[in-house]
Amino acid sequence: MEKSAKRIIGFDMARALAILGMVIVNYKISMNAEGNGPEWLKTITGLLEGRASAIFVILAGIGISLMTKKARMSGTPSKEYRKTIWRRSLFLFVLGMILFLMQWSADILHYYAFYMFIGSFFIVASSRQIIIATVGIVLTSQIGQLLLNYEFGWDATFQHYELFWSWKGFISNLFYNGYHPIFPWSAFLLFGMWVGRINVQNHSIRKKMISVSLFTFVITEAASYTLIKLSEPAMGLEIAYYLFDTKPMPPTLLYMISSTSTAIIVILLCIIISEKWRETAVIQAFVYTGQLALTLYIGHFLVLAVFFMFGGLAENTLPFAVTIALIFCLFSTVASTWWRKTFKRGPVESLMRKVSG
């Protein structure tokens, strides 16, 4: 990826789909529209919860592996790469905390900063070490969910983390029971770093990865459904869902496996599609949108802030929230295309490069 000609634009396309999926989920939740709509729309938007953001984080891991490939393959010292990642992590942490101060409690950027910081220590680690660390993080998270109080810090509605600004609350939110806690979400980034070492342009490898991911997804979802049904009489529906659901809160083992599987399928399909129709206007528009993902993430919050100022975040219908999200996505795609034809990077992406190198 040292030259644009070698750039795997499927990653950019997947990043665009991820950020657009995150917009739909965030607008649905922020506009209090989760259950206020037709069943088919609730099902579709429900499938995006925790999966779009998982794609986003896995792609970050892939990006780190591609960026640091020289250090891994030629023995070049990884110190400078690590420092660059640390500076970018600090930038994202500060940016995320600014958003949090502006009442964006669902921010992912300040978590994302810690994922990257952790990932920086695995730049030259073996693939085996990365997989072991990934599994260890997920299993540690599962133990925590069994032994600790997952409701700690949250209000009665489970929408506002009341103790975030206390040390104990901040640490708990960051590591254990926030929207995207380090345990287990940093495992997505490490898994992405492992995927970034695989030759995903090899057709045979891609076919195997898609087949395994699809099979794993089906088996995991079937296991989740079966375990919930079988355990409900003994422990109750709430505890059964807590242990075996594939929703992102709490991030169960089955959720991690299922969302990782769907992320790999989406990413590889984007690579295949973008290779076949690389020069088409639609694919280029998605690629440009993916390259401005950070800017668009900030932008989607600013739109919500405007709605909040005019009382637009009260009870809304799901179709309304999704419509606003799709309008934002359409505008973002058009604006990103225009911007990238004029500038090399998005405004927030450029600022991060200037600050972090």
Protein backbone atom coordinates (compact mmCIF):
# COMPACT_ATOMS: atom_id res chain seq x y z
CA MET A 1 0.00 0.00 0.00
CA GLU A 2 2.89 2.32 -0.55
CA LYS A 3 1.41 3.52 -3.83
CA SER A 4 -2.16 4.37 -4.59
CA ALA A 5 -2.12 1.91 -7.49
CA LYS A 6 -1.66 -0.89 -5.00
CA ARG A 7 -4.36 0.36 -2.63
CA ILE A 8 -7.03 -2.22 -1.88
CA ILE A 9 -10.01 0.06 -2.31
CA GLY A 10 -12.35 -2.62 -1.02
CA PHE A 11 -11.20 -1.66 2.48
CA ASP A 12 -12.33 1.92 1.83
CA MET A 13 -15.66 0.68 0.51
CA ALA A 14 -16.16 -1.50 3.59
CA ARG A 15 -15.27 1.45 5.83
CA ALA A 16 -17.93 3.52 4.07
CA LEU A 17 -20.57 0.85 4.68
CA ALA A 18 -19.44 0.59 8.31
CA ILE A 19 -19.71 4.30 9.00
CA LEU A 20 -23.09 4.49 7.25
CA GLY A 21 -24.34 1.53 9.30
CA MET A 22 -23.12 3.23 12.48
CA VAL A 23 -25.04 6.37 11.51
CA ILE A 24 -28.28 4.42 11.15
CA VAL A 25 -27.82 2.71 14.54
CA ASN A 26 -26.81 5.92 16.33
CA TYR A 27 -29.69 7.93 14.88
CA LYS A 28 -32.15 5.19 15.79
CA ILE A 29 -30.97 5.17 19.41
CA SER A 30 -30.43 8.93 19.81
CA MET A 31 -33.88 9.72 18.42
CA ASN A 32 -35.52 7.23 20.81
CA ALA A 33 -36.98 5.33 17.88
CA GLU A 34 -35.78 1.79 18.61
CA GLY A 35 -39.13 0.07 19.06
CA ASN A 36 -41.38 2.51 17.24
CA GLY A 37 -41.64 1.04 13.75
CA PRO A 38 -42.58 -1.95 11.62
CA GLU A 39 -41.10 -5.32 12.54
CA TRP A 40 -39.14 -5.71 9.29
CA LEU A 41 -37.38 -2.38 9.85
CA LYS A 42 -36.65 -3.18 13.50
CA THR A 43 -35.09 -6.46 12.36
CA ILE A 44 -32.91 -4.83 9.70
CA THR A 45 -31.67 -2.02 11.94
CA GLY A 46 -31.19 -4.49 14.79
CA LEU A 47 -28.81 -6.50 12.64
CA LEU A 48 -26.56 -3.45 12.30
CA GLU A 49 -26.14 -2.97 16.05
CA GLY A 50 -22.57 -3.69 17.04
CA ARG A 51 -21.76 -5.15 13.62
CA ALA A 52 -21.13 -1.96 11.66
CA SER A 53 -18.80 -0.67 14.39
CA ALA A 54 -17.06 -4.07 14.55
CA ILE A 55 -16.24 -3.73 10.83
CA PHE A 56 -14.88 -0.25 11.56
CA VAL A 57 -12.52 -1.52 14.29
CA ILE A 58 -11.38 -4.61 12.37
CA LEU A 59 -10.52 -2.36 9.42
CA ALA A 60 -8.40 -0.25 11.77
CA GLY A 61 -6.45 -3.36 12.69
CA ILE A 62 -6.00 -4.24 9.02
CA GLY A 63 -4.78 -0.69 8.40
CA ILE A 64 -2.16 -0.96 11.15
CA SER A 65 -0.82 -4.21 9.69
CA LEU A 66 -0.58 -2.72 6.21
CA MET A 67 1.03 0.48 7.50
CA THR A 68 3.66 -1.42 9.49
CA LYS A 69 4.30 -4.21 6.97
CA LYS A 70 7.83 -2.96 6.29
CA ALA A 71 8.79 -3.25 9.96
CA ARG A 72 7.41 -6.76 10.12
CA MET A 73 8.85 -8.08 6.86
CA SER A 74 12.29 -6.43 6.73
CA GLY A 75 13.14 -6.10 10.39
CA THR A 76 12.94 -2.30 10.26
CA PRO A 77 12.68 -0.90 13.82
CA SER A 78 9.04 -0.57 14.82
CA LYS A 79 9.67 2.27 17.29
CA GLU A 80 8.73 5.08 14.88
CA TYR A 81 5.59 3.29 13.74
CA ARG A 82 4.62 2.80 17.38
CA LYS A 83 5.14 6.48 18.16
CA THR A 84 2.98 7.46 15.19
CA ILE A 85 0.20 5.18 16.40
CA TRP A 86 0.51 6.62 19.92
CA ARG A 87 0.17 10.17 18.60
CA ARG A 88 -2.88 9.24 16.56
CA SER A 89 -4.33 7.45 19.56
CA LEU A 90 -3.90 10.57 21.67
CA PHE A 91 -5.54 12.69 18.97
CA LEU A 92 -8.54 10.34 18.78
CA PHE A 93 -8.83 10.16 22.57
CA VAL A 94 -8.93 13.95 22.89
CA LEU A 95 -11.39 14.21 20.02
CA GLY A 96 -13.61 11.54 21.55
CA MET A 97 -13.59 13.21 24.96
CA ILE A 98 -14.56 16.52 23.34
CA LEU A 99 -17.54 14.76 21.79
CA PHE A 100 -18.36 13.22 25.17
CA LEU A 101 -18.28 16.65 26.79
CA MET A 102 -20.73 17.74 24.09
CA GLN A 103 -23.11 15.01 25.35
CA TRP A 104 -22.22 12.31 22.80
CA SER A 105 -22.16 9.46 25.32
CA ALA A 106 -22.05 6.75 22.63
CA ASP A 107 -18.68 7.93 21.31
CA ILE A 108 -16.36 5.20 20.05
CA LEU A 109 -13.26 7.30 19.37
CA HIS A 110 -11.89 7.43 22.93
CA TYR A 111 -12.20 3.63 23.11
CA TYR A 112 -10.71 3.32 19.62
CA ALA A 113 -7.65 5.24 20.82
CA PHE A 114 -6.93 2.56 23.41
CA TYR A 115 -7.45 -0.26 20.90
CA MET A 116 -4.79 1.33 18.70
CA PHE A 117 -2.46 1.86 21.65
CA ILE A 118 -2.76 -1.83 22.54
CA GLY A 119 -2.31 -2.82 18.90
CA SER A 120 0.93 -0.84 18.67
CA PHE A 121 2.64 -3.42 20.87
CA PHE A 122 1.81 -6.21 18.40
CA ILE A 123 3.33 -4.66 15.27
CA VAL A 124 6.08 -7.27 15.00
CA ALA A 125 4.40 -9.98 17.06
CA SER A 126 3.84 -13.33 15.38
CA SER A 127 0.42 -14.17 14.03
CA ARG A 128 0.15 -16.87 16.67
CA GLN A 129 0.81 -14.35 19.44
CA ILE A 130 -1.86 -12.04 18.04
CA ILE A 131 -4.46 -14.81 17.95
CA ILE A 132 -3.59 -15.88 21.50
CA ALA A 133 -3.94 -12.29 22.71
CA THR A 134 -7.25 -11.94 20.85
CA VAL A 135 -8.69 -15.07 22.43
CA GLY A 136 -7.33 -14.07 25.83
CA ILE A 137 -9.02 -10.67 25.70
CA VAL A 138 -12.37 -12.19 24.73
CA LEU A 139 -12.23 -14.87 27.43
CA THR A 140 -11.20 -12.32 30.06
CA SER A 141 -14.22 -10.25 29.09
CA GLN A 142 -16.53 -13.24 29.48
CA ILE A 143 -15.17 -13.98 32.94
CA GLY A 144 -15.75 -10.35 33.88
CA GLN A 145 -19.34 -10.51 32.70
CA LEU A 146 -19.92 -13.51 34.97
CA LEU A 147 -18.18 -12.14 38.07
CA LEU A 148 -18.72 -8.36 37.94
CA ASN A 149 -21.78 -6.11 38.00
CA TYR A 150 -22.45 -5.19 34.38
CA GLU A 151 -25.05 -2.58 35.39
CA PHE A 152 -22.55 -0.60 37.49
CA GLY A 153 -22.56 3.10 36.61
CA TRP A 154 -25.62 3.05 34.36
CA ASP A 155 -28.92 4.78 35.05
CA ALA A 156 -32.19 2.83 35.27
CA THR A 157 -32.81 3.14 31.51
CA PHE A 158 -29.31 1.86 30.61
CA GLN A 159 -28.87 4.80 28.24
CA HIS A 160 -26.76 7.18 30.33
CA TYR A 161 -23.59 6.24 32.23
CA GLU A 162 -24.07 8.32 35.36
CA LEU A 163 -20.67 7.56 36.95
CA PHE A 164 -18.54 8.24 33.86
CA TRP A 165 -16.78 11.23 35.44
CA SER A 166 -15.72 9.35 38.55
CA TRP A 167 -12.44 7.40 38.45
CA LYS A 168 -14.12 4.12 39.26
CA GLY A 169 -16.89 4.75 36.74
CA PHE A 170 -14.49 5.85 33.99
CA ILE A 171 -12.29 2.78 34.42
CA SER A 172 -15.29 0.44 34.51
CA ASN A 173 -16.80 2.07 31.43
CA LEU A 174 -13.51 1.99 29.53
CA PHE A 175 -12.49 -1.56 30.34
CA TYR A 176 -15.68 -3.46 31.05
CA ASN A 177 -19.21 -2.15 30.63
CA GLY A 178 -19.20 0.90 28.37
CA TYR A 179 -20.60 0.97 24.86
CA HIS A 180 -17.34 -0.35 23.33
CA PRO A 181 -15.11 -1.45 26.24
CA ILE A 182 -11.50 -2.52 25.79
CA PHE A 183 -12.49 -5.98 27.00
CA PRO A 184 -13.46 -7.40 24.55
CA TRP A 185 -13.55 -4.78 21.76
CA SER A 186 -9.78 -4.44 21.40
CA ALA A 187 -9.90 -8.07 20.22
CA PHE A 188 -11.55 -6.83 17.01
CA LEU A 189 -8.53 -4.63 16.27
CA LEU A 190 -6.05 -7.41 17.01
CA PHE A 191 -8.01 -9.79 14.82
CA GLY A 192 -7.93 -7.16 12.10
CA MET A 193 -4.15 -6.98 12.44
CA TRP A 194 -4.06 -10.73 11.87
CA VAL A 195 -6.33 -10.44 8.81
CA GLY A 196 -4.10 -7.63 7.49
CA ARG A 197 -1.27 -10.17 7.15
CA ILE A 198 -3.31 -12.43 4.88
CA ASN A 199 -3.23 -12.03 1.11
CA VAL A 200 -6.90 -11.17 0.67
CA GLN A 201 -6.33 -10.55 -3.05
CA ASN A 202 -5.83 -14.29 -3.50
CA HIS A 203 -9.13 -15.65 -4.84
CA SER A 204 -8.75 -19.07 -3.24
CA ILE A 205 -8.00 -17.62 0.20
CA ARG A 206 -10.93 -15.22 -0.07
CA LYS A 207 -13.31 -18.01 -1.00
CA LYS A 208 -12.22 -20.10 1.98
CA MET A 209 -12.48 -17.17 4.37
CA ILE A 210 -16.00 -16.28 3.20
CA SER A 211 -17.14 -19.91 3.42
CA VAL A 212 -15.71 -20.37 6.93
CA SER A 213 -17.13 -17.02 8.09
CA LEU A 214 -20.59 -17.78 6.71
CA PHE A 215 -20.61 -21.24 8.29
CA THR A 216 -19.41 -19.80 11.62
CA PHE A 217 -22.06 -17.08 11.54
CA VAL A 218 -24.90 -19.55 10.92
CA ILE A 219 -23.68 -21.98 13.59
CA THR A 220 -23.19 -19.18 16.13
CA GLU A 221 -26.62 -17.66 15.57
CA ALA A 222 -28.20 -21.13 15.76
CA ALA A 223 -26.30 -21.84 18.98
CA SER A 224 -27.45 -18.52 20.44
CA TYR A 225 -31.10 -19.21 19.64
CA THR A 226 -30.92 -22.77 20.95
CA LEU A 227 -29.09 -21.91 24.17
CA ILE A 228 -31.53 -19.12 24.97
CA LYS A 229 -34.51 -21.42 24.44
CA LEU A 230 -33.02 -24.28 26.45
CA SER A 231 -31.82 -22.15 29.37
CA GLU A 232 -34.86 -19.88 29.67
CA PRO A 233 -36.95 -22.27 31.84
CA ALA A 234 -34.12 -22.69 34.35
CA MET A 235 -32.70 -19.16 34.61
CA GLY A 236 -35.27 -16.84 33.03
CA LEU A 237 -35.28 -15.00 29.72
CA GLU A 238 -33.27 -11.98 30.90
CA ILE A 239 -30.32 -14.03 32.15
CA ALA A 240 -30.48 -16.31 29.10
CA TYR A 241 -30.16 -13.30 26.80
CA TYR A 242 -27.40 -11.86 29.00
CA LEU A 243 -25.34 -15.02 28.56
CA PHE A 244 -26.11 -16.15 25.03
CA ASP A 245 -27.43 -13.27 22.91
CA THR A 246 -25.54 -11.90 19.90
CA LYS A 247 -26.34 -8.25 20.59
CA PRO A 248 -23.40 -5.95 21.50
CA MET A 249 -24.45 -5.21 25.09
CA PRO A 250 -23.25 -7.20 26.83
CA PRO A 251 -20.64 -8.33 24.28
CA THR A 252 -20.90 -12.07 24.81
CA LEU A 253 -18.59 -14.68 23.32
CA LEU A 254 -21.28 -15.52 20.77
CA TYR A 255 -21.62 -11.85 19.82
CA MET A 256 -17.87 -11.55 19.25
CA ILE A 257 -17.79 -14.64 17.03
CA SER A 258 -20.93 -13.71 15.09
CA SER A 259 -20.00 -10.07 14.47
CA THR A 260 -16.45 -10.99 13.49
CA SER A 261 -17.84 -13.47 10.96
CA THR A 262 -20.20 -10.93 9.39
CA ALA A 263 -17.43 -8.32 9.33
CA ILE A 264 -15.10 -10.62 7.38
CA ILE A 265 -17.89 -11.46 4.92
CA VAL A 266 -18.68 -7.77 4.31
CA ILE A 267 -15.02 -6.76 3.97
CA LEU A 268 -14.18 -9.54 1.51
CA LEU A 269 -17.32 -8.96 -0.56
CA CYS A 270 -16.39 -5.29 -0.78
CA ILE A 271 -12.94 -6.27 -2.07
CA ILE A 272 -14.46 -8.58 -4.68
CA ILE A 273 -17.03 -6.01 -5.83
CA SER A 274 -14.54 -3.15 -5.92
CA GLU A 275 -12.11 -5.20 -8.00
CA LYS A 276 -14.78 -6.01 -10.56
CA TRP A 277 -16.27 -2.51 -10.83
CA ARG A 278 -13.31 -0.43 -9.68
CA GLU A 279 -13.75 2.39 -12.20
CA THR A 280 -17.52 2.88 -11.83
CA ALA A 281 -18.84 6.09 -10.29
CA VAL A 282 -20.77 4.26 -7.57
CA ILE A 283 -17.74 2.33 -6.32
CA GLN A 284 -15.56 5.43 -6.42
CA ALA A 285 -18.17 7.32 -4.41
CA PHE A 286 -18.13 4.63 -1.72
CA VAL A 287 -14.32 4.62 -1.73
CA TYR A 288 -14.18 8.39 -1.24
CA THR A 289 -16.78 8.14 1.52
CA GLY A 290 -14.70 5.52 3.32
CA GLN A 291 -11.63 7.70 3.09
CA LEU A 292 -13.49 10.47 4.94
CA ALA A 293 -14.95 8.17 7.62
CA LEU A 294 -13.53 10.10 10.58
CA THR A 295 -14.83 13.42 9.28
CA LEU A 296 -18.25 11.89 8.63
CA TYR A 297 -18.36 10.38 12.11
CA ILE A 298 -17.90 13.87 13.58
CA GLY A 299 -20.42 15.25 11.08
CA HIS A 300 -23.13 12.78 11.98
CA PHE A 301 -22.88 13.87 15.62
CA LEU A 302 -23.12 17.55 14.66
CA VAL A 303 -26.37 16.81 12.84
CA LEU A 304 -27.70 15.15 15.99
CA ALA A 305 -26.61 18.21 17.97
CA VAL A 306 -28.71 20.42 15.71
CA PHE A 307 -31.72 18.14 16.21
CA PHE A 308 -31.15 18.33 19.97
CA MET A 309 -31.10 22.14 19.90
CA PHE A 310 -34.53 22.18 18.26
CA GLY A 311 -36.04 19.39 20.33
CA GLY A 312 -35.80 16.82 17.55
CA LEU A 313 -34.46 14.01 19.72
CA ALA A 314 -37.74 13.42 21.54
CA GLU A 315 -39.82 10.35 20.75
CA ASN A 316 -39.56 9.65 17.00
CA THR A 317 -40.61 6.81 14.75
CA LEU A 318 -38.05 4.36 13.43
CA PRO A 319 -38.87 5.18 9.77
CA PHE A 320 -38.20 8.87 10.52
CA ALA A 321 -34.84 8.14 12.18
CA VAL A 322 -33.76 5.83 9.35
CA THR A 323 -34.86 8.37 6.75
CA ILE A 324 -32.77 11.10 8.37
CA ALA A 325 -29.84 8.69 8.53
CA LEU A 326 -30.17 7.78 4.85
CA ILE A 327 -30.41 11.45 3.87
CA PHE A 328 -27.21 12.09 5.82
CA CYS A 329 -25.56 9.10 4.13
CA LEU A 330 -26.57 10.30 0.66
CA PHE A 331 -25.34 13.81 1.36
CA SER A 332 -22.11 12.39 2.83
CA THR A 333 -21.42 10.30 -0.25
CA VAL A 334 -21.94 13.26 -2.60
CA ALA A 335 -19.93 15.63 -0.40
CA SER A 336 -17.11 13.11 0.06
CA THR A 337 -16.86 12.57 -3.68
CA TRP A 338 -16.63 16.31 -4.31
CA TRP A 339 -14.11 16.80 -1.49
CA ARG A 340 -11.79 13.98 -2.57
CA LYS A 341 -11.68 15.25 -6.13
CA THR A 342 -10.33 18.51 -4.72
CA PHE A 343 -8.34 17.46 -1.65
CA LYS A 344 -6.21 14.43 -0.79
CA ARG A 345 -7.73 13.83 2.66
CA GLY A 346 -10.78 14.81 4.66
CA PRO A 347 -10.52 17.84 7.00
CA VAL A 348 -10.36 15.83 10.24
CA GLU A 349 -8.08 13.23 8.63
CA SER A 350 -5.74 16.02 7.50
CA LEU A 351 -5.69 17.52 10.97
CA MET A 352 -4.82 14.16 12.49
CA ARG A 353 -1.95 13.70 10.01
CA LYS A 354 -0.57 17.15 10.82
CA VAL A 355 -0.74 16.48 14.55
CA SER A 356 0.49 12.90 14.56
CA GLY A 357 2.51 12.52 11.37
